[in-house]
Amino acid sequence: MPIADEAAAKQIILETLQKKKGKTKFYLKDFYKFLPDEKLRDVKKLVNKMVTEELLEYWSSGSTTLIGLKGLGKQHAADGED
């Protein structure tokens, strides 16, 4: 069953990410902790949807993929996109 209140779940994710000082990228498993009552598959689908909506973005080191708020992080500061 999909997440019942998708808007509230998105808000929880965004607020949690904004509160994390000094850390801008997270593993997918971290998002599961943000919404502990939801199924892992549904959280993954929501995160993917938020990337499509450009609320979040993927970042890859080549071996690891992390997810963070769109436009935040060291790579944006270095590119002058901040």
PDB file of N, CA and C in Angstrom:
ATOM      1  N   MET A   1       0.840  -1.183   0.000  1.00  0.00           N
ATOM      2  CA  MET A   1       0.000   0.000   0.000  1.00  0.00           C
ATOM      3  C   MET A   1       0.886   1.248   0.000  1.00  0.00           C
ATOM      4  N   PRO A   2       0.639   2.172  -0.923  1.00  0.00           N
ATOM      5  CA  PRO A   2       1.451   3.396  -0.984  1.00  0.00           C
ATOM      6  C   PRO A   2       1.301   4.238   0.286  1.00  0.00           C
ATOM      7  N   ILE A   3       2.193   5.175   0.440  1.00  0.00           N
ATOM      8  CA  ILE A   3       2.153   6.065   1.599  1.00  0.00           C
ATOM      9  C   ILE A   3       0.841   6.845   1.562  1.00  0.00           C
ATOM     10  N   ALA A   4       0.096   6.795   2.665  1.00  0.00           N
ATOM     11  CA  ALA A   4      -1.234   7.400   2.720  1.00  0.00           C
ATOM     12  C   ALA A   4      -1.182   8.920   2.566  1.00  0.00           C
ATOM     13  N   ASP A   5      -0.361   9.571   3.344  1.00  0.00           N
ATOM     14  CA  ASP A   5      -0.266  11.032   3.280  1.00  0.00           C
ATOM     15  C   ASP A   5       1.094  11.413   2.705  1.00  0.00           C
ATOM     16  N   GLU A   6       1.167  11.414   1.391  1.00  0.00           N
ATOM     17  CA  GLU A   6       2.434  11.656   0.703  1.00  0.00           C
ATOM     18  C   GLU A   6       2.977  13.056   0.995  1.00  0.00           C
ATOM     19  N   ALA A   7       2.115  14.048   1.042  1.00  0.00           N
ATOM     20  CA  ALA A   7       2.554  15.426   1.302  1.00  0.00           C
ATOM     21  C   ALA A   7       3.202  15.532   2.686  1.00  0.00           C
ATOM     22  N   ALA A   8       2.605  14.893   3.671  1.00  0.00           N
ATOM     23  CA  ALA A   8       3.170  14.919   5.027  1.00  0.00           C
ATOM     24  C   ALA A   8       4.510  14.186   5.060  1.00  0.00           C
ATOM     25  N   ALA A   9       4.610  13.075   4.346  1.00  0.00           N
ATOM     26  CA  ALA A   9       5.863  12.313   4.301  1.00  0.00           C
ATOM     27  C   ALA A   9       6.967  13.144   3.645  1.00  0.00           C
ATOM     28  N   LYS A  10       6.641  13.850   2.569  1.00  0.00           N
ATOM     29  CA  LYS A  10       7.621  14.720   1.914  1.00  0.00           C
ATOM     30  C   LYS A  10       8.085  15.807   2.878  1.00  0.00           C
ATOM     31  N   GLN A  11       7.133  16.381   3.610  1.00  0.00           N
ATOM     32  CA  GLN A  11       7.463  17.445   4.559  1.00  0.00           C
ATOM     33  C   GLN A  11       8.399  16.929   5.649  1.00  0.00           C
ATOM     34  N   ILE A  12       8.145  15.719   6.142  1.00  0.00           N
ATOM     35  CA  ILE A  12       9.008  15.114   7.166  1.00  0.00           C
ATOM     36  C   ILE A  12      10.426  14.961   6.618  1.00  0.00           C
ATOM     37  N   ILE A  13      10.541  14.471   5.396  1.00  0.00           N
ATOM     38  CA  ILE A  13      11.865  14.281   4.784  1.00  0.00           C
ATOM     39  C   ILE A  13      12.584  15.614   4.635  1.00  0.00           C
ATOM     40  N   LEU A  14      11.906  16.607   4.072  1.00  0.00           N
ATOM     41  CA  LEU A  14      12.540  17.905   3.843  1.00  0.00           C
ATOM     42  C   LEU A  14      12.956  18.566   5.152  1.00  0.00           C
ATOM     43  N   GLU A  15      12.077  18.540   6.145  1.00  0.00           N
ATOM     44  CA  GLU A  15      12.394  19.160   7.433  1.00  0.00           C
ATOM     45  C   GLU A  15      13.551  18.447   8.127  1.00  0.00           C
ATOM     46  N   THR A  16      13.556  17.116   8.051  1.00  0.00           N
ATOM     47  CA  THR A  16      14.634  16.348   8.676  1.00  0.00           C
ATOM     48  C   THR A  16      15.969  16.660   8.019  1.00  0.00           C
ATOM     49  N   LEU A  17      15.992  16.739   6.694  1.00  0.00           N
ATOM     50  CA  LEU A  17      17.237  17.042   5.984  1.00  0.00           C
ATOM     51  C   LEU A  17      17.719  18.452   6.303  1.00  0.00           C
ATOM     52  N   GLN A  18      16.812  19.396   6.413  1.00  0.00           N
ATOM     53  CA  GLN A  18      17.189  20.779   6.699  1.00  0.00           C
ATOM     54  C   GLN A  18      17.741  20.934   8.113  1.00  0.00           C
ATOM     55  N   LYS A  19      17.313  20.080   9.037  1.00  0.00           N
ATOM     56  CA  LYS A  19      17.774  20.146  10.426  1.00  0.00           C
ATOM     57  C   LYS A  19      19.159  19.545  10.618  1.00  0.00           C
ATOM     58  N   LYS A  20      19.595  18.709   9.690  1.00  0.00           N
ATOM     59  CA  LYS A  20      20.890  18.032   9.809  1.00  0.00           C
ATOM     60  C   LYS A  20      22.005  19.011   9.481  1.00  0.00           C
ATOM     61  N   LYS A  21      22.602  19.567  10.492  1.00  0.00           N
ATOM     62  CA  LYS A  21      23.667  20.562  10.307  1.00  0.00           C
ATOM     63  C   LYS A  21      24.978  19.884   9.920  1.00  0.00           C
ATOM     64  N   GLY A  22      25.607  20.421   8.885  1.00  0.00           N
ATOM     65  CA  GLY A  22      26.914  19.922   8.478  1.00  0.00           C
ATOM     66  C   GLY A  22      26.879  18.694   7.589  1.00  0.00           C
ATOM     67  N   LYS A  23      25.717  18.098   7.429  1.00  0.00           N
ATOM     68  CA  LYS A  23      25.605  16.915   6.587  1.00  0.00           C
ATOM     69  C   LYS A  23      24.565  17.195   5.507  1.00  0.00           C
ATOM     70  N   THR A  24      24.957  16.980   4.252  1.00  0.00           N
ATOM     71  CA  THR A  24      24.035  17.311   3.166  1.00  0.00           C
ATOM     72  C   THR A  24      23.631  16.108   2.318  1.00  0.00           C
ATOM     73  N   LYS A  25      24.342  14.998   2.456  1.00  0.00           N
ATOM     74  CA  LYS A  25      24.047  13.811   1.650  1.00  0.00           C
ATOM     75  C   LYS A  25      23.801  12.613   2.559  1.00  0.00           C
ATOM     76  N   PHE A  26      22.832  11.791   2.168  1.00  0.00           N
ATOM     77  CA  PHE A  26      22.413  10.673   2.997  1.00  0.00           C
ATOM     78  C   PHE A  26      22.234   9.423   2.148  1.00  0.00           C
ATOM     79  N   TYR A  27      22.434   8.277   2.788  1.00  0.00           N
ATOM     80  CA  TYR A  27      22.146   6.997   2.148  1.00  0.00           C
ATOM     81  C   TYR A  27      20.640   6.785   2.122  1.00  0.00           C
ATOM     82  N   LEU A  28      20.180   5.963   1.190  1.00  0.00           N
ATOM     83  CA  LEU A  28      18.754   5.649   1.123  1.00  0.00           C
ATOM     84  C   LEU A  28      18.269   5.065   2.444  1.00  0.00           C
ATOM     85  N   LYS A  29      19.096   4.248   3.092  1.00  0.00           N
ATOM     86  CA  LYS A  29      18.688   3.622   4.356  1.00  0.00           C
ATOM     87  C   LYS A  29      18.382   4.676   5.428  1.00  0.00           C
ATOM     88  N   ASP A  30      19.001   5.859   5.334  1.00  0.00           N
ATOM     89  CA  ASP A  30      18.701   6.934   6.279  1.00  0.00           C
ATOM     90  C   ASP A  30      17.260   7.412   6.122  1.00  0.00           C
ATOM     91  N   PHE A  31      16.776   7.429   4.898  1.00  0.00           N
ATOM     92  CA  PHE A  31      15.405   7.878   4.646  1.00  0.00           C
ATOM     93  C   PHE A  31      14.391   6.902   5.247  1.00  0.00           C
ATOM     94  N   TYR A  32      14.753   5.628   5.310  1.00  0.00           N
ATOM     95  CA  TYR A  32      13.877   4.650   5.936  1.00  0.00           C
ATOM     96  C   TYR A  32      13.665   4.988   7.408  1.00  0.00           C
ATOM     97  N   LYS A  33      14.698   5.531   8.050  1.00  0.00           N
ATOM     98  CA  LYS A  33      14.601   5.919   9.464  1.00  0.00           C
ATOM     99  C   LYS A  33      13.708   7.144   9.642  1.00  0.00           C
ATOM    100  N   PHE A  34      13.661   8.018   8.637  1.00  0.00           N
ATOM    101  CA  PHE A  34      12.823   9.217   8.718  1.00  0.00           C
ATOM    102  C   PHE A  34      11.344   8.845   8.735  1.00  0.00           C
ATOM    103  N   LEU A  35      11.005   7.747   8.056  1.00  0.00           N
ATOM    104  CA  LEU A  35       9.608   7.282   7.953  1.00  0.00           C
ATOM    105  C   LEU A  35       9.533   5.822   8.391  1.00  0.00           C
ATOM    106  N   PRO A  36       9.744   5.557   9.669  1.00  0.00           N
ATOM    107  CA  PRO A  36       9.863   4.175  10.139  1.00  0.00           C
ATOM    108  C   PRO A  36       8.600   3.320  10.002  1.00  0.00           C
ATOM    109  N   ASP A  37       7.439   3.957   9.898  1.00  0.00           N
ATOM    110  CA  ASP A  37       6.191   3.196   9.807  1.00  0.00           C
ATOM    111  C   ASP A  37       5.833   2.800   8.382  1.00  0.00           C
ATOM    112  N   GLU A  38       6.623   3.265   7.424  1.00  0.00           N
ATOM    113  CA  GLU A  38       6.323   2.981   6.018  1.00  0.00           C
ATOM    114  C   GLU A  38       7.187   1.825   5.508  1.00  0.00           C
ATOM    115  N   LYS A  39       6.681   1.155   4.484  1.00  0.00           N
ATOM    116  CA  LYS A  39       7.425   0.063   3.866  1.00  0.00           C
ATOM    117  C   LYS A  39       8.628   0.635   3.117  1.00  0.00           C
ATOM    118  N   LEU A  40       9.721  -0.100   3.114  1.00  0.00           N
ATOM    119  CA  LEU A  40      10.955   0.353   2.475  1.00  0.00           C
ATOM    120  C   LEU A  40      10.730   0.695   1.002  1.00  0.00           C
ATOM    121  N   ARG A  41       9.997  -0.143   0.322  1.00  0.00           N
ATOM    122  CA  ARG A  41       9.741   0.064  -1.103  1.00  0.00           C
ATOM    123  C   ARG A  41       8.993   1.376  -1.351  1.00  0.00           C
ATOM    124  N   ASP A  42       8.023   1.689  -0.469  1.00  0.00           N
ATOM    125  CA  ASP A  42       7.248   2.917  -0.619  1.00  0.00           C
ATOM    126  C   ASP A  42       8.108   4.153  -0.352  1.00  0.00           C
ATOM    127  N   VAL A  43       9.009   4.059   0.615  1.00  0.00           N
ATOM    128  CA  VAL A  43       9.918   5.172   0.899  1.00  0.00           C
ATOM    129  C   VAL A  43      10.842   5.389  -0.303  1.00  0.00           C
ATOM    130  N   LYS A  44      11.351   4.315  -0.867  1.00  0.00           N
ATOM    131  CA  LYS A  44      12.233   4.422  -2.037  1.00  0.00           C
ATOM    132  C   LYS A  44      11.504   5.082  -3.205  1.00  0.00           C
ATOM    133  N   LYS A  45      10.256   4.684  -3.436  1.00  0.00           N
ATOM    134  CA  LYS A  45       9.462   5.283  -4.511  1.00  0.00           C
ATOM    135  C   LYS A  45       9.249   6.775  -4.263  1.00  0.00           C
ATOM    136  N   LEU A  46       8.987   7.151  -3.006  1.00  0.00           N
ATOM    137  CA  LEU A  46       8.773   8.553  -2.670  1.00  0.00           C
ATOM    138  C   LEU A  46      10.056   9.361  -2.887  1.00  0.00           C
ATOM    139  N   VAL A  47      11.185   8.823  -2.460  1.00  0.00           N
ATOM    140  CA  VAL A  47      12.458   9.513  -2.660  1.00  0.00           C
ATOM    141  C   VAL A  47      12.723   9.697  -4.154  1.00  0.00           C
ATOM    142  N   ASN A  48      12.495   8.671  -4.949  1.00  0.00           N
ATOM    143  CA  ASN A  48      12.677   8.778  -6.402  1.00  0.00           C
ATOM    144  C   ASN A  48      11.757   9.849  -6.994  1.00  0.00           C
ATOM    145  N   LYS A  49      10.531   9.897  -6.505  1.00  0.00           N
ATOM    146  CA  LYS A  49       9.579  10.899  -6.972  1.00  0.00           C
ATOM    147  C   LYS A  49      10.056  12.303  -6.610  1.00  0.00           C
ATOM    148  N   MET A  50      10.614  12.453  -5.406  1.00  0.00           N
ATOM    149  CA  MET A  50      11.114  13.761  -4.974  1.00  0.00           C
ATOM    150  C   MET A  50      12.333  14.191  -5.798  1.00  0.00           C
ATOM    151  N   VAL A  51      13.128  13.234  -6.261  1.00  0.00           N
ATOM    152  CA  VAL A  51      14.245  13.551  -7.160  1.00  0.00           C
ATOM    153  C   VAL A  51      13.685  14.031  -8.497  1.00  0.00           C
ATOM    154  N   THR A  52      12.679  13.353  -9.001  1.00  0.00           N
ATOM    155  CA  THR A  52      12.037  13.746 -10.265  1.00  0.00           C
ATOM    156  C   THR A  52      11.441  15.147 -10.151  1.00  0.00           C
ATOM    157  N   GLU A  53      10.885  15.461  -8.986  1.00  0.00           N
ATOM    158  CA  GLU A  53      10.285  16.783  -8.746  1.00  0.00           C
ATOM    159  C   GLU A  53      11.345  17.845  -8.427  1.00  0.00           C
ATOM    160  N   GLU A  54      12.618  17.434  -8.406  1.00  0.00           N
ATOM    161  CA  GLU A  54      13.759  18.303  -8.139  1.00  0.00           C
ATOM    162  C   GLU A  54      13.757  18.892  -6.729  1.00  0.00           C
ATOM    163  N   LEU A  55      13.180  18.175  -5.781  1.00  0.00           N
ATOM    164  CA  LEU A  55      13.284  18.544  -4.369  1.00  0.00           C
ATOM    165  C   LEU A  55      14.563  17.951  -3.782  1.00  0.00           C
ATOM    166  N   LEU A  56      14.916  16.766  -4.272  1.00  0.00           N
ATOM    167  CA  LEU A  56      16.123  16.063  -3.851  1.00  0.00           C
ATOM    168  C   LEU A  56      16.966  15.794  -5.087  1.00  0.00           C
ATOM    169  N   GLU A  57      18.223  15.395  -4.859  1.00  0.00           N
ATOM    170  CA  GLU A  57      19.079  15.019  -5.981  1.00  0.00           C
ATOM    171  C   GLU A  57      19.993  13.881  -5.570  1.00  0.00           C
ATOM    172  N   TYR A  58      20.384  13.095  -6.566  1.00  0.00           N
ATOM    173  CA  TYR A  58      21.345  12.028  -6.338  1.00  0.00           C
ATOM    174  C   TYR A  58      22.748  12.588  -6.490  1.00  0.00           C
ATOM    175  N   TRP A  59      23.684  12.013  -5.747  1.00  0.00           N
ATOM    176  CA  TRP A  59      25.089  12.322  -5.885  1.00  0.00           C
ATOM    177  C   TRP A  59      25.832  11.002  -5.831  1.00  0.00           C
ATOM    178  N   SER A  60      26.754  10.809  -6.761  1.00  0.00           N
ATOM    179  CA  SER A  60      27.480   9.547  -6.814  1.00  0.00           C
ATOM    180  C   SER A  60      28.980   9.782  -6.778  1.00  0.00           C
ATOM    181  N   SER A  61      29.644   8.962  -5.975  1.00  0.00           N
ATOM    182  CA  SER A  61      31.105   9.010  -5.925  1.00  0.00           C
ATOM    183  C   SER A  61      31.698   8.018  -6.916  1.00  0.00           C
ATOM    184  N   GLY A  62      30.853   7.288  -7.560  1.00  0.00           N
ATOM    185  CA  GLY A  62      31.299   6.243  -8.473  1.00  0.00           C
ATOM    186  C   GLY A  62      30.999   4.873  -7.901  1.00  0.00           C
ATOM    187  N   SER A  63      31.134   4.750  -6.590  1.00  0.00           N
ATOM    188  CA  SER A  63      30.846   3.465  -5.953  1.00  0.00           C
ATOM    189  C   SER A  63      29.655   3.563  -5.003  1.00  0.00           C
ATOM    190  N   THR A  64      29.317   4.770  -4.594  1.00  0.00           N
ATOM    191  CA  THR A  64      28.240   4.979  -3.634  1.00  0.00           C
ATOM    192  C   THR A  64      27.316   6.071  -4.144  1.00  0.00           C
ATOM    193  N   THR A  65      26.020   5.859  -4.004  1.00  0.00           N
ATOM    194  CA  THR A  65      25.050   6.882  -4.364  1.00  0.00           C
ATOM    195  C   THR A  65      24.413   7.430  -3.097  1.00  0.00           C
ATOM    196  N   LEU A  66      24.447   8.738  -2.986  1.00  0.00           N
ATOM    197  CA  LEU A  66      23.843   9.418  -1.850  1.00  0.00           C
ATOM    198  C   LEU A  66      22.740  10.336  -2.361  1.00  0.00           C
ATOM    199  N   ILE A  67      21.893  10.785  -1.446  1.00  0.00           N
ATOM    200  CA  ILE A  67      20.758  11.626  -1.797  1.00  0.00           C
ATOM    201  C   ILE A  67      20.761  12.821  -0.863  1.00  0.00           C
ATOM    202  N   GLY A  68      20.486  13.992  -1.416  1.00  0.00           N
ATOM    203  CA  GLY A  68      20.435  15.186  -0.587  1.00  0.00           C
ATOM    204  C   GLY A  68      19.488  16.213  -1.154  1.00  0.00           C
ATOM    205  N   LEU A  69      19.345  17.317  -0.430  1.00  0.00           N
ATOM    206  CA  LEU A  69      18.505  18.411  -0.896  1.00  0.00           C
ATOM    207  C   LEU A  69      19.092  19.003  -2.167  1.00  0.00           C
ATOM    208  N   LYS A  70      18.245  19.328  -3.099  1.00  0.00           N
ATOM    209  CA  LYS A  70      18.674  19.905  -4.371  1.00  0.00           C
ATOM    210  C   LYS A  70      19.418  21.211  -4.119  1.00  0.00           C
ATOM    211  N   GLY A  71      20.623  21.336  -4.677  1.00  0.00           N
ATOM    212  CA  GLY A  71      21.377  22.573  -4.619  1.00  0.00           C
ATOM    213  C   GLY A  71      22.260  22.762  -3.400  1.00  0.00           C
ATOM    214  N   LEU A  72      22.299  21.801  -2.487  1.00  0.00           N
ATOM    215  CA  LEU A  72      23.137  21.935  -1.299  1.00  0.00           C
ATOM    216  C   LEU A  72      24.320  20.989  -1.375  1.00  0.00           C
ATOM    217  N   GLY A  73      25.380  21.342  -0.680  1.00  0.00           N
ATOM    218  CA  GLY A  73      26.525  20.451  -0.599  1.00  0.00           C
ATOM    219  C   GLY A  73      27.776  21.079  -1.173  1.00  0.00           C
ATOM    220  N   LYS A  74      28.886  20.434  -0.874  1.00  0.00           N
ATOM    221  CA  LYS A  74      30.197  20.954  -1.293  1.00  0.00           C
ATOM    222  C   LYS A  74      30.338  21.053  -2.800  1.00  0.00           C
ATOM    223  N   GLN A  75      29.757  20.109  -3.535  1.00  0.00           N
ATOM    224  CA  GLN A  75      29.921  20.140  -4.981  1.00  0.00           C
ATOM    225  C   GLN A  75      29.269  21.381  -5.582  1.00  0.00           C
ATOM    226  N   HIS A  76      28.206  21.887  -4.967  1.00  0.00           N
ATOM    227  CA  HIS A  76      27.571  23.097  -5.481  1.00  0.00           C
ATOM    228  C   HIS A  76      28.358  24.343  -5.100  1.00  0.00           C
ATOM    229  N   ALA A  77      28.932  24.361  -3.926  1.00  0.00           N
ATOM    230  CA  ALA A  77      29.754  25.488  -3.485  1.00  0.00           C
ATOM    231  C   ALA A  77      30.990  25.611  -4.381  1.00  0.00           C
ATOM    232  N   ALA A  78      31.573  24.481  -4.746  1.00  0.00           N
ATOM    233  CA  ALA A  78      32.761  24.464  -5.599  1.00  0.00           C
ATOM    234  C   ALA A  78      32.429  24.908  -7.013  1.00  0.00           C
ATOM    235  N   ASP A  79      31.213  24.587  -7.466  1.00  0.00           N
ATOM    236  CA  ASP A  79      30.791  24.959  -8.819  1.00  0.00           C
ATOM    237  C   ASP A  79      30.273  26.391  -8.893  1.00  0.00           C
ATOM    238  N   GLY A  80      30.108  27.031  -7.735  1.00  0.00           N
ATOM    239  CA  GLY A  80      29.578  28.374  -7.709  1.00  0.00           C
ATOM    240  C   GLY A  80      28.077  28.434  -7.940  1.00  0.00           C
ATOM    241  N   GLU A  81      27.400  27.324  -7.727  1.00  0.00           N
ATOM    242  CA  GLU A  81      25.958  27.254  -7.949  1.00  0.00           C
ATOM    243  C   GLU A  81      25.162  27.632  -6.730  1.00  0.00           C
ATOM    244  N   ASP A  82      25.803  27.825  -5.595  1.00  0.00           N
ATOM    245  CA  ASP A  82      25.103  28.158  -4.357  1.00  0.00           C
ATOM    246  C   ASP A  82      24.512  29.492  -4.452  1.00  0.00           C
TER     247      ASP A  82
END
